[in-house]
Amino acid sequence: MSKLYKFLWSLAVLFIIVTTITFTFGLILIGVAMASLLGIYRYYLTKKSLRKFKAWPKGFSSNEIIDIPTETVYPKIKD
């Protein structure tokens, strides 16, 4: 009976090791797939944005509104 228990414990440990390796390999594959999809998305996004703006847009990049008071110029009357 002790040989049967030893065999079953060895089989259980082997199953746990194989399951852990398979799970880790699956996580690595999912990470690689996500990174490559992100790279492809960024590549096409930059191509699309370059096609969209053929010239640099006018204005400020931070969308800042500069409020400068207007200067009033009074014409001087020459005597």
N, C-alpha and C. Protein backbone atom coordinates (compact mmCIF):
# COMPACT_ATOMS: atom_id res chain seq x y z
N MET A 1 0.81 -1.19 0.00
CA MET A 1 0.00 0.00 0.00
C MET A 1 0.86 1.26 0.00
N SER A 2 2.04 1.19 0.64
CA SER A 2 2.88 2.38 0.69
C SER A 2 3.43 2.73 -0.69
N LYS A 3 3.64 1.71 -1.55
CA LYS A 3 4.10 1.99 -2.91
C LYS A 3 3.01 2.71 -3.71
N LEU A 4 1.76 2.34 -3.47
CA LEU A 4 0.65 3.00 -4.14
C LEU A 4 0.54 4.47 -3.72
N TYR A 5 0.67 4.74 -2.41
CA TYR A 5 0.63 6.13 -1.93
C TYR A 5 1.80 6.93 -2.47
N LYS A 6 2.98 6.32 -2.50
CA LYS A 6 4.15 7.01 -3.03
C LYS A 6 3.94 7.34 -4.50
N PHE A 7 3.38 6.41 -5.24
CA PHE A 7 3.11 6.63 -6.67
C PHE A 7 2.06 7.74 -6.86
N LEU A 8 1.00 7.73 -6.04
CA LEU A 8 -0.04 8.75 -6.15
C LEU A 8 0.49 10.14 -5.78
N TRP A 9 1.33 10.22 -4.73
CA TRP A 9 1.92 11.52 -4.38
C TRP A 9 2.85 12.01 -5.48
N SER A 10 3.62 11.13 -6.05
CA SER A 10 4.50 11.51 -7.16
C SER A 10 3.68 12.00 -8.35
N LEU A 11 2.57 11.31 -8.62
CA LEU A 11 1.68 11.71 -9.71
C LEU A 11 1.04 13.08 -9.42
N ALA A 12 0.65 13.34 -8.19
CA ALA A 12 0.05 14.62 -7.81
C ALA A 12 1.06 15.75 -7.93
N VAL A 13 2.29 15.51 -7.48
CA VAL A 13 3.34 16.54 -7.59
C VAL A 13 3.67 16.81 -9.05
N LEU A 14 3.74 15.78 -9.86
CA LEU A 14 4.00 15.95 -11.29
C LEU A 14 2.86 16.73 -11.95
N PHE A 15 1.64 16.43 -11.56
CA PHE A 15 0.48 17.16 -12.11
C PHE A 15 0.53 18.64 -11.73
N ILE A 16 0.91 18.94 -10.49
CA ILE A 16 1.00 20.34 -10.05
C ILE A 16 2.09 21.06 -10.80
N ILE A 17 3.23 20.42 -11.03
CA ILE A 17 4.34 21.05 -11.76
C ILE A 17 3.95 21.31 -13.20
N VAL A 18 3.32 20.33 -13.84
CA VAL A 18 2.91 20.49 -15.24
C VAL A 18 1.85 21.59 -15.36
N THR A 19 0.92 21.63 -14.42
CA THR A 19 -0.12 22.66 -14.44
C THR A 19 0.48 24.05 -14.25
N THR A 20 1.43 24.18 -13.35
CA THR A 20 2.09 25.46 -13.11
C THR A 20 2.85 25.93 -14.35
N ILE A 21 3.58 25.04 -14.98
CA ILE A 21 4.33 25.39 -16.19
C ILE A 21 3.38 25.80 -17.31
N THR A 22 2.29 25.06 -17.48
CA THR A 22 1.32 25.38 -18.53
C THR A 22 0.66 26.75 -18.28
N PHE A 23 0.30 27.01 -17.03
CA PHE A 23 -0.33 28.29 -16.69
C PHE A 23 0.63 29.45 -16.92
N THR A 24 1.89 29.27 -16.52
CA THR A 24 2.89 30.32 -16.71
C THR A 24 3.13 30.57 -18.20
N PHE A 25 3.22 29.51 -18.98
CA PHE A 25 3.41 29.64 -20.42
C PHE A 25 2.22 30.36 -21.05
N GLY A 26 1.03 30.05 -20.60
CA GLY A 26 -0.16 30.73 -21.11
C GLY A 26 -0.15 32.22 -20.78
N LEU A 27 0.25 32.56 -19.55
CA LEU A 27 0.34 33.98 -19.18
C LEU A 27 1.39 34.71 -20.03
N ILE A 28 2.50 34.06 -20.29
CA ILE A 28 3.53 34.68 -21.14
C ILE A 28 3.00 34.89 -22.54
N LEU A 29 2.30 33.92 -23.08
CA LEU A 29 1.72 34.07 -24.43
C LEU A 29 0.68 35.19 -24.48
N ILE A 30 -0.14 35.30 -23.46
CA ILE A 30 -1.14 36.37 -23.42
C ILE A 30 -0.45 37.73 -23.33
N GLY A 31 0.60 37.83 -22.53
CA GLY A 31 1.35 39.08 -22.43
C GLY A 31 1.99 39.48 -23.75
N VAL A 32 2.57 38.51 -24.45
CA VAL A 32 3.19 38.79 -25.75
C VAL A 32 2.12 39.23 -26.75
N ALA A 33 0.99 38.57 -26.75
CA ALA A 33 -0.09 38.93 -27.68
C ALA A 33 -0.61 40.33 -27.38
N MET A 34 -0.77 40.68 -26.11
CA MET A 34 -1.25 42.02 -25.76
C MET A 34 -0.23 43.09 -26.17
N ALA A 35 1.06 42.81 -25.95
CA ALA A 35 2.10 43.78 -26.31
C ALA A 35 2.16 43.97 -27.82
N SER A 36 2.03 42.89 -28.58
CA SER A 36 2.06 43.03 -30.03
C SER A 36 0.82 43.74 -30.55
N LEU A 37 -0.35 43.47 -29.97
CA LEU A 37 -1.55 44.19 -30.39
C LEU A 37 -1.46 45.67 -30.06
N LEU A 38 -0.86 46.00 -28.92
CA LEU A 38 -0.67 47.40 -28.58
C LEU A 38 0.29 48.07 -29.55
N GLY A 39 1.35 47.36 -29.94
CA GLY A 39 2.29 47.91 -30.91
C GLY A 39 1.65 48.13 -32.27
N ILE A 40 0.84 47.18 -32.71
CA ILE A 40 0.15 47.33 -33.99
C ILE A 40 -0.85 48.49 -33.92
N TYR A 41 -1.56 48.60 -32.81
CA TYR A 41 -2.53 49.70 -32.64
C TYR A 41 -1.82 51.05 -32.68
N ARG A 42 -0.70 51.17 -31.96
CA ARG A 42 0.03 52.43 -31.96
C ARG A 42 0.61 52.74 -33.33
N TYR A 43 1.06 51.72 -34.06
CA TYR A 43 1.62 51.93 -35.39
C TYR A 43 0.55 52.49 -36.34
N TYR A 44 -0.62 51.87 -36.35
CA TYR A 44 -1.68 52.35 -37.23
C TYR A 44 -2.25 53.68 -36.76
N LEU A 45 -2.27 53.92 -35.46
CA LEU A 45 -2.76 55.19 -34.94
C LEU A 45 -1.85 56.34 -35.38
N THR A 46 -0.54 56.13 -35.33
CA THR A 46 0.38 57.18 -35.76
C THR A 46 0.29 57.39 -37.27
N LYS A 47 0.12 56.32 -38.03
CA LYS A 47 -0.04 56.49 -39.47
C LYS A 47 -1.31 57.27 -39.79
N LYS A 48 -2.38 56.98 -39.07
CA LYS A 48 -3.64 57.65 -39.31
C LYS A 48 -3.56 59.12 -38.92
N SER A 49 -2.89 59.41 -37.80
CA SER A 49 -2.81 60.80 -37.37
C SER A 49 -1.89 61.60 -38.29
N LEU A 50 -0.86 60.97 -38.86
CA LEU A 50 0.00 61.69 -39.80
C LEU A 50 -0.74 61.99 -41.09
N ARG A 51 -1.61 61.08 -41.49
CA ARG A 51 -2.39 61.30 -42.70
C ARG A 51 -3.43 62.39 -42.48
N LYS A 52 -3.93 62.48 -41.27
CA LYS A 52 -5.00 63.41 -40.95
C LYS A 52 -4.49 64.86 -40.99
N PHE A 53 -3.31 65.11 -40.43
CA PHE A 53 -2.75 66.46 -40.40
C PHE A 53 -1.60 66.54 -41.40
N LYS A 54 -1.86 67.16 -42.52
CA LYS A 54 -0.77 67.33 -43.49
C LYS A 54 0.09 68.52 -43.10
N ALA A 55 -0.48 69.48 -42.39
CA ALA A 55 0.27 70.61 -41.88
C ALA A 55 0.00 70.71 -40.39
N TRP A 56 0.92 71.29 -39.67
CA TRP A 56 0.73 71.42 -38.23
C TRP A 56 -0.45 72.34 -37.96
N PRO A 57 -1.30 71.98 -37.05
CA PRO A 57 -2.44 72.84 -36.75
C PRO A 57 -1.99 74.14 -36.08
N LYS A 58 -2.70 75.17 -36.37
CA LYS A 58 -2.39 76.47 -35.77
C LYS A 58 -2.97 76.51 -34.36
N GLY A 59 -2.28 77.18 -33.50
CA GLY A 59 -2.79 77.31 -32.14
C GLY A 59 -1.84 76.72 -31.13
N PHE A 60 -2.28 76.67 -29.94
CA PHE A 60 -1.45 76.19 -28.85
C PHE A 60 -1.74 74.73 -28.58
N SER A 61 -0.70 73.99 -28.28
CA SER A 61 -0.87 72.55 -28.07
C SER A 61 -1.57 72.24 -26.76
N SER A 62 -1.49 73.15 -25.81
CA SER A 62 -2.11 72.88 -24.52
C SER A 62 -3.54 73.41 -24.44
N ASN A 63 -4.06 73.91 -25.55
CA ASN A 63 -5.40 74.49 -25.62
C ASN A 63 -5.57 75.64 -24.63
N GLU A 64 -4.50 76.35 -24.40
CA GLU A 64 -4.52 77.46 -23.46
C GLU A 64 -5.09 78.69 -24.15
N ILE A 65 -5.95 79.36 -23.46
CA ILE A 65 -6.53 80.60 -23.98
C ILE A 65 -5.77 81.75 -23.33
N ILE A 66 -5.16 82.55 -24.16
CA ILE A 66 -4.40 83.69 -23.65
C ILE A 66 -5.29 84.91 -23.75
N ASP A 67 -5.56 85.49 -22.61
CA ASP A 67 -6.44 86.65 -22.56
C ASP A 67 -5.58 87.90 -22.38
N ILE A 68 -5.28 88.56 -23.47
CA ILE A 68 -4.49 89.78 -23.45
C ILE A 68 -5.44 90.94 -23.70
N PRO A 69 -5.45 91.91 -22.81
CA PRO A 69 -6.35 93.04 -23.04
C PRO A 69 -5.92 93.83 -24.28
N THR A 70 -6.91 94.29 -24.98
CA THR A 70 -6.61 95.04 -26.20
C THR A 70 -6.02 96.39 -25.85
N GLU A 71 -5.15 96.81 -26.70
CA GLU A 71 -4.49 98.09 -26.48
C GLU A 71 -5.23 99.15 -27.28
N THR A 72 -5.60 100.19 -26.61
CA THR A 72 -6.33 101.26 -27.26
C THR A 72 -5.32 102.29 -27.77
N VAL A 73 -5.38 102.54 -29.04
CA VAL A 73 -4.46 103.50 -29.65
C VAL A 73 -5.27 104.73 -30.03
N TYR A 74 -4.90 105.85 -29.41
CA TYR A 74 -5.58 107.12 -29.72
C TYR A 74 -4.74 107.85 -30.78
N PRO A 75 -5.38 108.23 -31.85
CA PRO A 75 -4.61 108.97 -32.86
C PRO A 75 -4.21 110.37 -32.32
N LYS A 76 -2.98 110.68 -32.55
CA LYS A 76 -2.50 111.98 -32.11
C LYS A 76 -2.77 113.00 -33.20
N ILE A 77 -3.30 114.10 -32.79
CA ILE A 77 -3.58 115.17 -33.74
C ILE A 77 -2.37 116.07 -33.83
N LYS A 78 -1.85 116.13 -35.02
CA LYS A 78 -0.68 116.98 -35.23
C LYS A 78 -1.15 118.43 -35.35
N ASP A 79 -0.51 119.30 -34.62
CA ASP A 79 -0.88 120.72 -34.69
C ASP A 79 -0.03 121.44 -35.71
